[in-house]
Amino acid sequence: MRTLLRARLDTHTANEAIRNGTMPEHIQTMLDKLHPEAAYFTTMDGGRSCLFVFDLQDPSQLPGLVETLFLELEAEVEVHPVMNVDDLRKGLGGIRRG
């Protein structure tokens, strides 16, 4: 299932990871775990944030996928199923009208 993972990093922890040089390693770990079709880095709600779109094949994968964000970056994590436009067209095509 196409999934959006949004992580808002703790400012103090992220600052320390940048200062000590471990931030690139943490980001690479997430990329290696998720194999995302898209990855974006921005600010949201006043803090550093990451957005990853990836294929979640089984919900039991989640703990292993997000622990780096929780343990190393003290992030707030949200996970949402999402659709691209082709998925939406397919879904809308299955709705009965009338």
PDB file of N, CA and C in Angstrom:
ATOM      1  N   MET A   1       0.841  -1.164   0.000  1.00  0.00           N
ATOM      2  CA  MET A   1       0.000   0.000   0.000  1.00  0.00           C
ATOM      3  C   MET A   1       0.893   1.236   0.000  1.00  0.00           C
ATOM      4  N   ARG A   2       0.602   2.158  -0.906  1.00  0.00           N
ATOM      5  CA  ARG A   2       1.353   3.412  -0.942  1.00  0.00           C
ATOM      6  C   ARG A   2       1.064   4.160   0.363  1.00  0.00           C
ATOM      7  N   THR A   3       2.121   4.593   1.016  1.00  0.00           N
ATOM      8  CA  THR A   3       2.021   5.174   2.351  1.00  0.00           C
ATOM      9  C   THR A   3       2.858   6.446   2.441  1.00  0.00           C
ATOM     10  N   LEU A   4       2.311   7.439   3.129  1.00  0.00           N
ATOM     11  CA  LEU A   4       3.035   8.684   3.415  1.00  0.00           C
ATOM     12  C   LEU A   4       3.470   8.647   4.871  1.00  0.00           C
ATOM     13  N   LEU A   5       4.761   8.805   5.093  1.00  0.00           N
ATOM     14  CA  LEU A   5       5.296   8.910   6.445  1.00  0.00           C
ATOM     15  C   LEU A   5       5.767  10.349   6.617  1.00  0.00           C
ATOM     16  N   ARG A   6       5.230  10.992   7.640  1.00  0.00           N
ATOM     17  CA  ARG A   6       5.648  12.362   7.971  1.00  0.00           C
ATOM     18  C   ARG A   6       6.321  12.310   9.329  1.00  0.00           C
ATOM     19  N   ALA A   7       7.533  12.821   9.402  1.00  0.00           N
ATOM     20  CA  ALA A   7       8.262  12.854  10.666  1.00  0.00           C
ATOM     21  C   ALA A   7       8.699  14.284  10.944  1.00  0.00           C
ATOM     22  N   ARG A   8       8.309  14.799  12.106  1.00  0.00           N
ATOM     23  CA  ARG A   8       8.778  16.107  12.554  1.00  0.00           C
ATOM     24  C   ARG A   8       9.846  15.836  13.606  1.00  0.00           C
ATOM     25  N   LEU A   9      11.065  16.260  13.294  1.00  0.00           N
ATOM     26  CA  LEU A   9      12.212  15.980  14.158  1.00  0.00           C
ATOM     27  C   LEU A   9      12.245  16.919  15.350  1.00  0.00           C
ATOM     28  N   ASP A  10      12.630  16.391  16.483  1.00  0.00           N
ATOM     29  CA  ASP A  10      12.847  17.218  17.666  1.00  0.00           C
ATOM     30  C   ASP A  10      13.994  18.189  17.375  1.00  0.00           C
ATOM     31  N   THR A  11      13.772  19.464  17.614  1.00  0.00           N
ATOM     32  CA  THR A  11      14.769  20.482  17.255  1.00  0.00           C
ATOM     33  C   THR A  11      16.093  20.270  17.975  1.00  0.00           C
ATOM     34  N   HIS A  12      16.057  20.068  19.275  1.00  0.00           N
ATOM     35  CA  HIS A  12      17.300  19.907  20.041  1.00  0.00           C
ATOM     36  C   HIS A  12      18.072  18.671  19.560  1.00  0.00           C
ATOM     37  N   THR A  13      17.370  17.562  19.387  1.00  0.00           N
ATOM     38  CA  THR A  13      18.014  16.317  18.964  1.00  0.00           C
ATOM     39  C   THR A  13      18.564  16.432  17.548  1.00  0.00           C
ATOM     40  N   ALA A  14      17.791  17.053  16.660  1.00  0.00           N
ATOM     41  CA  ALA A  14      18.258  17.243  15.275  1.00  0.00           C
ATOM     42  C   ALA A  14      19.463  18.184  15.241  1.00  0.00           C
ATOM     43  N   ASN A  15      19.432  19.239  16.043  1.00  0.00           N
ATOM     44  CA  ASN A  15      20.594  20.136  16.117  1.00  0.00           C
ATOM     45  C   ASN A  15      21.840  19.364  16.515  1.00  0.00           C
ATOM     46  N   GLU A  16      21.712  18.499  17.508  1.00  0.00           N
ATOM     47  CA  GLU A  16      22.861  17.722  17.973  1.00  0.00           C
ATOM     48  C   GLU A  16      23.348  16.759  16.885  1.00  0.00           C
ATOM     49  N   ALA A  17      22.407  16.136  16.152  1.00  0.00           N
ATOM     50  CA  ALA A  17      22.790  15.220  15.075  1.00  0.00           C
ATOM     51  C   ALA A  17      23.516  15.960  13.954  1.00  0.00           C
ATOM     52  N   ILE A  18      23.127  17.189  13.711  1.00  0.00           N
ATOM     53  CA  ILE A  18      23.824  17.997  12.703  1.00  0.00           C
ATOM     54  C   ILE A  18      25.207  18.377  13.213  1.00  0.00           C
ATOM     55  N   ARG A  19      25.272  18.796  14.465  1.00  0.00           N
ATOM     56  CA  ARG A  19      26.563  19.204  15.037  1.00  0.00           C
ATOM     57  C   ARG A  19      27.562  18.045  15.086  1.00  0.00           C
ATOM     58  N   ASN A  20      27.077  16.852  15.464  1.00  0.00           N
ATOM     59  CA  ASN A  20      28.018  15.735  15.611  1.00  0.00           C
ATOM     60  C   ASN A  20      28.194  14.934  14.315  1.00  0.00           C
ATOM     61  N   GLY A  21      27.511  15.352  13.261  1.00  0.00           N
ATOM     62  CA  GLY A  21      27.711  14.749  11.948  1.00  0.00           C
ATOM     63  C   GLY A  21      26.939  13.471  11.670  1.00  0.00           C
ATOM     64  N   THR A  22      26.002  13.097  12.542  1.00  0.00           N
ATOM     65  CA  THR A  22      25.268  11.848  12.336  1.00  0.00           C
ATOM     66  C   THR A  22      23.971  12.009  11.531  1.00  0.00           C
ATOM     67  N   MET A  23      23.536  13.228  11.259  1.00  0.00           N
ATOM     68  CA  MET A  23      22.273  13.420  10.530  1.00  0.00           C
ATOM     69  C   MET A  23      22.283  12.734   9.163  1.00  0.00           C
ATOM     70  N   PRO A  24      23.333  12.879   8.342  1.00  0.00           N
ATOM     71  CA  PRO A  24      23.315  12.179   7.048  1.00  0.00           C
ATOM     72  C   PRO A  24      23.166  10.659   7.203  1.00  0.00           C
ATOM     73  N   GLU A  25      23.776  10.093   8.220  1.00  0.00           N
ATOM     74  CA  GLU A  25      23.665   8.651   8.476  1.00  0.00           C
ATOM     75  C   GLU A  25      22.218   8.270   8.819  1.00  0.00           C
ATOM     76  N   HIS A  26      21.565   9.073   9.646  1.00  0.00           N
ATOM     77  CA  HIS A  26      20.177   8.793  10.015  1.00  0.00           C
ATOM     78  C   HIS A  26      19.255   8.878   8.793  1.00  0.00           C
ATOM     79  N   ILE A  27      19.461   9.880   7.975  1.00  0.00           N
ATOM     80  CA  ILE A  27      18.641  10.031   6.761  1.00  0.00           C
ATOM     81  C   ILE A  27      18.892   8.853   5.824  1.00  0.00           C
ATOM     82  N   GLN A  28      20.151   8.461   5.645  1.00  0.00           N
ATOM     83  CA  GLN A  28      20.460   7.333   4.778  1.00  0.00           C
ATOM     84  C   GLN A  28      19.844   6.041   5.309  1.00  0.00           C
ATOM     85  N   THR A  29      19.838   5.866   6.614  1.00  0.00           N
ATOM     86  CA  THR A  29      19.204   4.695   7.215  1.00  0.00           C
ATOM     87  C   THR A  29      17.731   4.637   6.837  1.00  0.00           C
ATOM     88  N   MET A  30      17.052   5.783   6.908  1.00  0.00           N
ATOM     89  CA  MET A  30      15.625   5.820   6.547  1.00  0.00           C
ATOM     90  C   MET A  30      15.436   5.509   5.062  1.00  0.00           C
ATOM     91  N   LEU A  31      16.271   6.063   4.222  1.00  0.00           N
ATOM     92  CA  LEU A  31      16.167   5.797   2.787  1.00  0.00           C
ATOM     93  C   LEU A  31      16.404   4.314   2.496  1.00  0.00           C
ATOM     94  N   ASP A  32      17.368   3.709   3.171  1.00  0.00           N
ATOM     95  CA  ASP A  32      17.665   2.294   2.976  1.00  0.00           C
ATOM     96  C   ASP A  32      16.520   1.398   3.459  1.00  0.00           C
ATOM     97  N   LYS A  33      15.866   1.778   4.543  1.00  0.00           N
ATOM     98  CA  LYS A  33      14.765   0.983   5.080  1.00  0.00           C
ATOM     99  C   LYS A  33      13.498   1.112   4.237  1.00  0.00           C
ATOM    100  N   LEU A  34      13.185   2.333   3.825  1.00  0.00           N
ATOM    101  CA  LEU A  34      11.905   2.594   3.170  1.00  0.00           C
ATOM    102  C   LEU A  34      11.921   2.379   1.663  1.00  0.00           C
ATOM    103  N   HIS A  35      13.065   2.591   1.032  1.00  0.00           N
ATOM    104  CA  HIS A  35      13.139   2.572  -0.434  1.00  0.00           C
ATOM    105  C   HIS A  35      12.006   3.437  -1.009  1.00  0.00           C
ATOM    106  N   PRO A  36      11.939   4.710  -0.619  1.00  0.00           N
ATOM    107  CA  PRO A  36      10.790   5.537  -0.993  1.00  0.00           C
ATOM    108  C   PRO A  36      10.757   5.857  -2.484  1.00  0.00           C
ATOM    109  N   GLU A  37       9.537   6.009  -2.998  1.00  0.00           N
ATOM    110  CA  GLU A  37       9.381   6.506  -4.363  1.00  0.00           C
ATOM    111  C   GLU A  37       9.593   8.011  -4.385  1.00  0.00           C
ATOM    112  N   ALA A  38       9.449   8.650  -3.236  1.00  0.00           N
ATOM    113  CA  ALA A  38       9.714  10.087  -3.109  1.00  0.00           C
ATOM    114  C   ALA A  38      10.129  10.382  -1.670  1.00  0.00           C
ATOM    115  N   ALA A  39      11.038  11.338  -1.510  1.00  0.00           N
ATOM    116  CA  ALA A  39      11.472  11.791  -0.189  1.00  0.00           C
ATOM    117  C   ALA A  39      11.638  13.304  -0.250  1.00  0.00           C
ATOM    118  N   TYR A  40      11.043  13.992   0.719  1.00  0.00           N
ATOM    119  CA  TYR A  40      11.103  15.452   0.763  1.00  0.00           C
ATOM    120  C   TYR A  40      11.509  15.886   2.163  1.00  0.00           C
ATOM    121  N   PHE A  41      12.202  16.997   2.229  1.00  0.00           N
ATOM    122  CA  PHE A  41      12.697  17.531   3.494  1.00  0.00           C
ATOM    123  C   PHE A  41      12.320  18.999   3.528  1.00  0.00           C
ATOM    124  N   THR A  42      11.640  19.415   4.609  1.00  0.00           N
ATOM    125  CA  THR A  42      11.092  20.765   4.689  1.00  0.00           C
ATOM    126  C   THR A  42      10.901  21.138   6.149  1.00  0.00           C
ATOM    127  N   THR A  43      10.268  22.266   6.386  1.00  0.00           N
ATOM    128  CA  THR A  43       9.845  22.625   7.735  1.00  0.00           C
ATOM    129  C   THR A  43       8.327  22.540   7.797  1.00  0.00           C
ATOM    130  N   MET A  44       7.831  21.988   8.893  1.00  0.00           N
ATOM    131  CA  MET A  44       6.395  21.919   9.148  1.00  0.00           C
ATOM    132  C   MET A  44       6.183  22.140  10.634  1.00  0.00           C
ATOM    133  N   ASP A  45       5.152  22.874  10.968  1.00  0.00           N
ATOM    134  CA  ASP A  45       4.840  23.146  12.375  1.00  0.00           C
ATOM    135  C   ASP A  45       6.060  23.679  13.120  1.00  0.00           C
ATOM    136  N   GLY A  46       6.888  24.460  12.433  1.00  0.00           N
ATOM    137  CA  GLY A  46       8.018  25.116  13.060  1.00  0.00           C
ATOM    138  C   GLY A  46       9.262  24.268  13.251  1.00  0.00           C
ATOM    139  N   GLY A  47       9.302  23.074  12.669  1.00  0.00           N
ATOM    140  CA  GLY A  47      10.473  22.230  12.859  1.00  0.00           C
ATOM    141  C   GLY A  47      10.860  21.470  11.609  1.00  0.00           C
ATOM    142  N   ARG A  48      12.068  20.930  11.618  1.00  0.00           N
ATOM    143  CA  ARG A  48      12.550  20.121  10.500  1.00  0.00           C
ATOM    144  C   ARG A  48      11.636  18.918  10.328  1.00  0.00           C
ATOM    145  N   SER A  49      11.291  18.650   9.075  1.00  0.00           N
ATOM    146  CA  SER A  49      10.389  17.532   8.798  1.00  0.00           C
ATOM    147  C   SER A  49      10.844  16.765   7.573  1.00  0.00           C
ATOM    148  N   CYS A  50      10.503  15.473   7.561  1.00  0.00           N
ATOM    149  CA  CYS A  50      10.771  14.580   6.433  1.00  0.00           C
ATOM    150  C   CYS A  50       9.436  14.006   5.987  1.00  0.00           C
ATOM    151  N   LEU A  51       9.279  13.882   4.692  1.00  0.00           N
ATOM    152  CA  LEU A  51       8.103  13.239   4.112  1.00  0.00           C
ATOM    153  C   LEU A  51       8.598  12.147   3.173  1.00  0.00           C
ATOM    154  N   PHE A  52       8.153  10.929   3.415  1.00  0.00           N
ATOM    155  CA  PHE A  52       8.547   9.801   2.582  1.00  0.00           C
ATOM    156  C   PHE A  52       7.290   9.138   2.037  1.00  0.00           C
ATOM    157  N   VAL A  53       7.278   8.843   0.751  1.00  0.00           N
ATOM    158  CA  VAL A  53       6.207   8.052   0.155  1.00  0.00           C
ATOM    159  C   VAL A  53       6.823   6.704  -0.204  1.00  0.00           C
ATOM    160  N   PHE A  54       6.255   5.638   0.356  1.00  0.00           N
ATOM    161  CA  PHE A  54       6.851   4.311   0.182  1.00  0.00           C
ATOM    162  C   PHE A  54       5.758   3.255   0.161  1.00  0.00           C
ATOM    163  N   ASP A  55       6.139   2.038  -0.213  1.00  0.00           N
ATOM    164  CA  ASP A  55       5.207   0.923  -0.269  1.00  0.00           C
ATOM    165  C   ASP A  55       5.265   0.150   1.043  1.00  0.00           C
ATOM    166  N   LEU A  56       4.175   0.203   1.802  1.00  0.00           N
ATOM    167  CA  LEU A  56       4.061  -0.564   3.043  1.00  0.00           C
ATOM    168  C   LEU A  56       3.331  -1.864   2.706  1.00  0.00           C
ATOM    169  N   GLN A  57       4.066  -2.949   2.701  1.00  0.00           N
ATOM    170  CA  GLN A  57       3.469  -4.223   2.305  1.00  0.00           C
ATOM    171  C   GLN A  57       2.697  -4.879   3.436  1.00  0.00           C
ATOM    172  N   ASP A  58       3.093  -4.602   4.689  1.00  0.00           N
ATOM    173  CA  ASP A  58       2.423  -5.214   5.842  1.00  0.00           C
ATOM    174  C   ASP A  58       2.569  -4.260   7.030  1.00  0.00           C
ATOM    175  N   PRO A  59       1.482  -4.000   7.768  1.00  0.00           N
ATOM    176  CA  PRO A  59       1.573  -3.084   8.919  1.00  0.00           C
ATOM    177  C   PRO A  59       2.605  -3.516   9.961  1.00  0.00           C
ATOM    178  N   SER A  60       2.907  -4.809  10.024  1.00  0.00           N
ATOM    179  CA  SER A  60       3.889  -5.268  11.011  1.00  0.00           C
ATOM    180  C   SER A  60       5.294  -4.749  10.713  1.00  0.00           C
ATOM    181  N   GLN A  61       5.500  -4.179   9.525  1.00  0.00           N
ATOM    182  CA  GLN A  61       6.794  -3.585   9.180  1.00  0.00           C
ATOM    183  C   GLN A  61       7.030  -2.267   9.912  1.00  0.00           C
ATOM    184  N   LEU A  62       5.970  -1.595  10.325  1.00  0.00           N
ATOM    185  CA  LEU A  62       6.098  -0.233  10.852  1.00  0.00           C
ATOM    186  C   LEU A  62       7.082  -0.080  12.008  1.00  0.00           C
ATOM    187  N   PRO A  63       7.018  -0.899  13.045  1.00  0.00           N
ATOM    188  CA  PRO A  63       7.969  -0.675  14.144  1.00  0.00           C
ATOM    189  C   PRO A  63       9.419  -0.642  13.680  1.00  0.00           C
ATOM    190  N   GLY A  64       9.809  -1.569  12.858  1.00  0.00           N
ATOM    191  CA  GLY A  64      11.187  -1.601  12.378  1.00  0.00           C
ATOM    192  C   GLY A  64      11.535  -0.439  11.470  1.00  0.00           C
ATOM    193  N   LEU A  65      10.533   0.051  10.742  1.00  0.00           N
ATOM    194  CA  LEU A  65      10.794   1.149   9.816  1.00  0.00           C
ATOM    195  C   LEU A  65      10.954   2.495  10.513  1.00  0.00           C
ATOM    196  N   VAL A  66      10.234   2.716  11.606  1.00  0.00           N
ATOM    197  CA  VAL A  66      10.230   4.056  12.212  1.00  0.00           C
ATOM    198  C   VAL A  66      11.095   4.208  13.458  1.00  0.00           C
ATOM    199  N   GLU A  67      11.674   3.121  13.961  1.00  0.00           N
ATOM    200  CA  GLU A  67      12.431   3.236  15.217  1.00  0.00           C
ATOM    201  C   GLU A  67      13.607   4.201  15.131  1.00  0.00           C
ATOM    202  N   THR A  68      14.271   4.297  13.992  1.00  0.00           N
ATOM    203  CA  THR A  68      15.364   5.275  13.857  1.00  0.00           C
ATOM    204  C   THR A  68      14.847   6.682  14.118  1.00  0.00           C
ATOM    205  N   LEU A  69      13.673   6.968  13.610  1.00  0.00           N
ATOM    206  CA  LEU A  69      13.108   8.312  13.813  1.00  0.00           C
ATOM    207  C   LEU A  69      12.784   8.559  15.282  1.00  0.00           C
ATOM    208  N   PHE A  70      12.208   7.572  15.940  1.00  0.00           N
ATOM    209  CA  PHE A  70      11.879   7.727  17.359  1.00  0.00           C
ATOM    210  C   PHE A  70      13.123   7.748  18.239  1.00  0.00           C
ATOM    211  N   LEU A  71      13.993   6.764  18.067  1.00  0.00           N
ATOM    212  CA  LEU A  71      15.130   6.605  18.970  1.00  0.00           C
ATOM    213  C   LEU A  71      16.254   7.605  18.732  1.00  0.00           C
ATOM    214  N   GLU A  72      16.595   7.838  17.480  1.00  0.00           N
ATOM    215  CA  GLU A  72      17.760   8.664  17.174  1.00  0.00           C
ATOM    216  C   GLU A  72      17.424  10.142  17.013  1.00  0.00           C
ATOM    217  N   LEU A  73      16.194  10.452  16.567  1.00  0.00           N
ATOM    218  CA  LEU A  73      15.846  11.849  16.278  1.00  0.00           C
ATOM    219  C   LEU A  73      14.670  12.359  17.101  1.00  0.00           C
ATOM    220  N   GLU A  74      14.144  11.512  17.992  1.00  0.00           N
ATOM    221  CA  GLU A  74      13.016  11.879  18.848  1.00  0.00           C
ATOM    222  C   GLU A  74      11.907  12.556  18.055  1.00  0.00           C
ATOM    223  N   ALA A  75      11.576  11.964  16.915  1.00  0.00           N
ATOM    224  CA  ALA A  75      10.603  12.545  15.995  1.00  0.00           C
ATOM    225  C   ALA A  75       9.174  12.208  16.397  1.00  0.00           C
ATOM    226  N   GLU A  76       8.266  13.085  15.984  1.00  0.00           N
ATOM    227  CA  GLU A  76       6.836  12.796  16.004  1.00  0.00           C
ATOM    228  C   GLU A  76       6.530  12.209  14.635  1.00  0.00           C
ATOM    229  N   VAL A  77       5.910  11.042  14.591  1.00  0.00           N
ATOM    230  CA  VAL A  77       5.725  10.323  13.333  1.00  0.00           C
ATOM    231  C   VAL A  77       4.240  10.112  13.058  1.00  0.00           C
ATOM    232  N   GLU A  78       3.854  10.373  11.815  1.00  0.00           N
ATOM    233  CA  GLU A  78       2.506  10.075  11.336  1.00  0.00           C
ATOM    234  C   GLU A  78       2.644   9.193  10.102  1.00  0.00           C
ATOM    235  N   VAL A  79       1.730   8.238   9.953  1.00  0.00           N
ATOM    236  CA  VAL A  79       1.720   7.349   8.804  1.00  0.00           C
ATOM    237  C   VAL A  79       0.305   7.329   8.240  1.00  0.00           C
ATOM    238  N   HIS A  80       0.195   7.572   6.919  1.00  0.00           N
ATOM    239  CA  HIS A  80      -1.119   7.655   6.275  1.00  0.00           C
ATOM    240  C   HIS A  80      -1.108   6.898   4.951  1.00  0.00           C
ATOM    241  N   PRO A  81      -2.155   6.092   4.696  1.00  0.00           N
ATOM    242  CA  PRO A  81      -2.279   5.533   3.351  1.00  0.00           C
ATOM    243  C   PRO A  81      -2.599   6.674   2.387  1.00  0.00           C
ATOM    244  N   VAL A  82      -2.004   6.648   1.197  1.00  0.00           N
ATOM    245  CA  VAL A  82      -2.236   7.698   0.203  1.00  0.00           C
ATOM    246  C   VAL A  82      -2.416   7.072  -1.176  1.00  0.00           C
ATOM    247  N   MET A  83      -2.963   7.887  -2.090  1.00  0.00           N
ATOM    248  CA  MET A  83      -3.174   7.447  -3.468  1.00  0.00           C
ATOM    249  C   MET A  83      -2.516   8.427  -4.416  1.00  0.00           C
ATOM    250  N   ASN A  84      -2.094   7.913  -5.558  1.00  0.00           N
ATOM    251  CA  ASN A  84      -1.712   8.816  -6.635  1.00  0.00           C
ATOM    252  C   ASN A  84      -2.951   8.995  -7.517  1.00  0.00           C
ATOM    253  N   VAL A  85      -2.844   9.767  -8.565  1.00  0.00           N
ATOM    254  CA  VAL A  85      -4.025  10.067  -9.374  1.00  0.00           C
ATOM    255  C   VAL A  85      -4.579   8.810 -10.048  1.00  0.00           C
ATOM    256  N   ASP A  86      -3.730   7.873 -10.437  1.00  0.00           N
ATOM    257  CA  ASP A  86      -4.216   6.631 -11.038  1.00  0.00           C
ATOM    258  C   ASP A  86      -5.019   5.808 -10.024  1.00  0.00           C
ATOM    259  N   ASP A  87      -4.538   5.748  -8.776  1.00  0.00           N
ATOM    260  CA  ASP A  87      -5.273   5.047  -7.726  1.00  0.00           C
ATOM    261  C   ASP A  87      -6.635   5.698  -7.499  1.00  0.00           C
ATOM    262  N   LEU A  88      -6.657   7.020  -7.485  1.00  0.00           N
ATOM    263  CA  LEU A  88      -7.910   7.744  -7.275  1.00  0.00           C
ATOM    264  C   LEU A  88      -8.899   7.468  -8.405  1.00  0.00           C
ATOM    265  N   ARG A  89      -8.426   7.525  -9.637  1.00  0.00           N
ATOM    266  CA  ARG A  89      -9.308   7.223 -10.780  1.00  0.00           C
ATOM    267  C   ARG A  89      -9.902   5.823 -10.647  1.00  0.00           C
ATOM    268  N   LYS A  90      -9.062   4.864 -10.298  1.00  0.00           N
ATOM    269  CA  LYS A  90      -9.532   3.490 -10.141  1.00  0.00           C
ATOM    270  C   LYS A  90     -10.581   3.407  -9.027  1.00  0.00           C
ATOM    271  N   GLY A  91     -10.310   4.056  -7.924  1.00  0.00           N
ATOM    272  CA  GLY A  91     -11.253   4.051  -6.802  1.00  0.00           C
ATOM    273  C   GLY A  91     -12.580   4.724  -7.139  1.00  0.00           C
ATOM    274  N   LEU A  92     -12.489   5.853  -7.807  1.00  0.00           N
ATOM    275  CA  LEU A  92     -13.712   6.558  -8.199  1.00  0.00           C
ATOM    276  C   LEU A  92     -14.500   5.770  -9.227  1.00  0.00           C
ATOM    277  N   GLY A  93     -13.805   5.010 -10.063  1.00  0.00           N
ATOM    278  CA  GLY A  93     -14.495   4.189 -11.053  1.00  0.00           C
ATOM    279  C   GLY A  93     -15.338   3.097 -10.440  1.00  0.00           C
ATOM    280  N   GLY A  94     -15.025   2.716  -9.233  1.00  0.00           N
ATOM    281  CA  GLY A  94     -15.771   1.663  -8.552  1.00  0.00           C
ATOM    282  C   GLY A  94     -16.953   2.151  -7.726  1.00  0.00           C
ATOM    283  N   ILE A  95     -17.182   3.454  -7.720  1.00  0.00           N
ATOM    284  CA  ILE A  95     -18.299   4.009  -6.942  1.00  0.00           C
ATOM    285  C   ILE A  95     -19.565   3.970  -7.786  1.00  0.00           C
ATOM    286  N   ARG A  96     -20.619   3.410  -7.214  1.00  0.00           N
ATOM    287  CA  ARG A  96     -21.915   3.406  -7.929  1.00  0.00           C
ATOM    288  C   ARG A  96     -22.541   4.774  -7.882  1.00  0.00           C
ATOM    289  N   ARG A  97     -23.005   5.196  -8.996  1.00  0.00           N
ATOM    290  CA  ARG A  97     -23.677   6.491  -9.083  1.00  0.00           C
ATOM    291  C   ARG A  97     -25.180   6.259  -9.069  1.00  0.00           C
ATOM    292  N   GLY A  98     -25.864   7.236  -8.478  1.00  0.00           N
ATOM    293  CA  GLY A  98     -27.309   7.206  -8.577  1.00  0.00           C
ATOM    294  C   GLY A  98     -27.928   6.597  -7.448  1.00  0.00           C
TER     295      GLY A  98
END
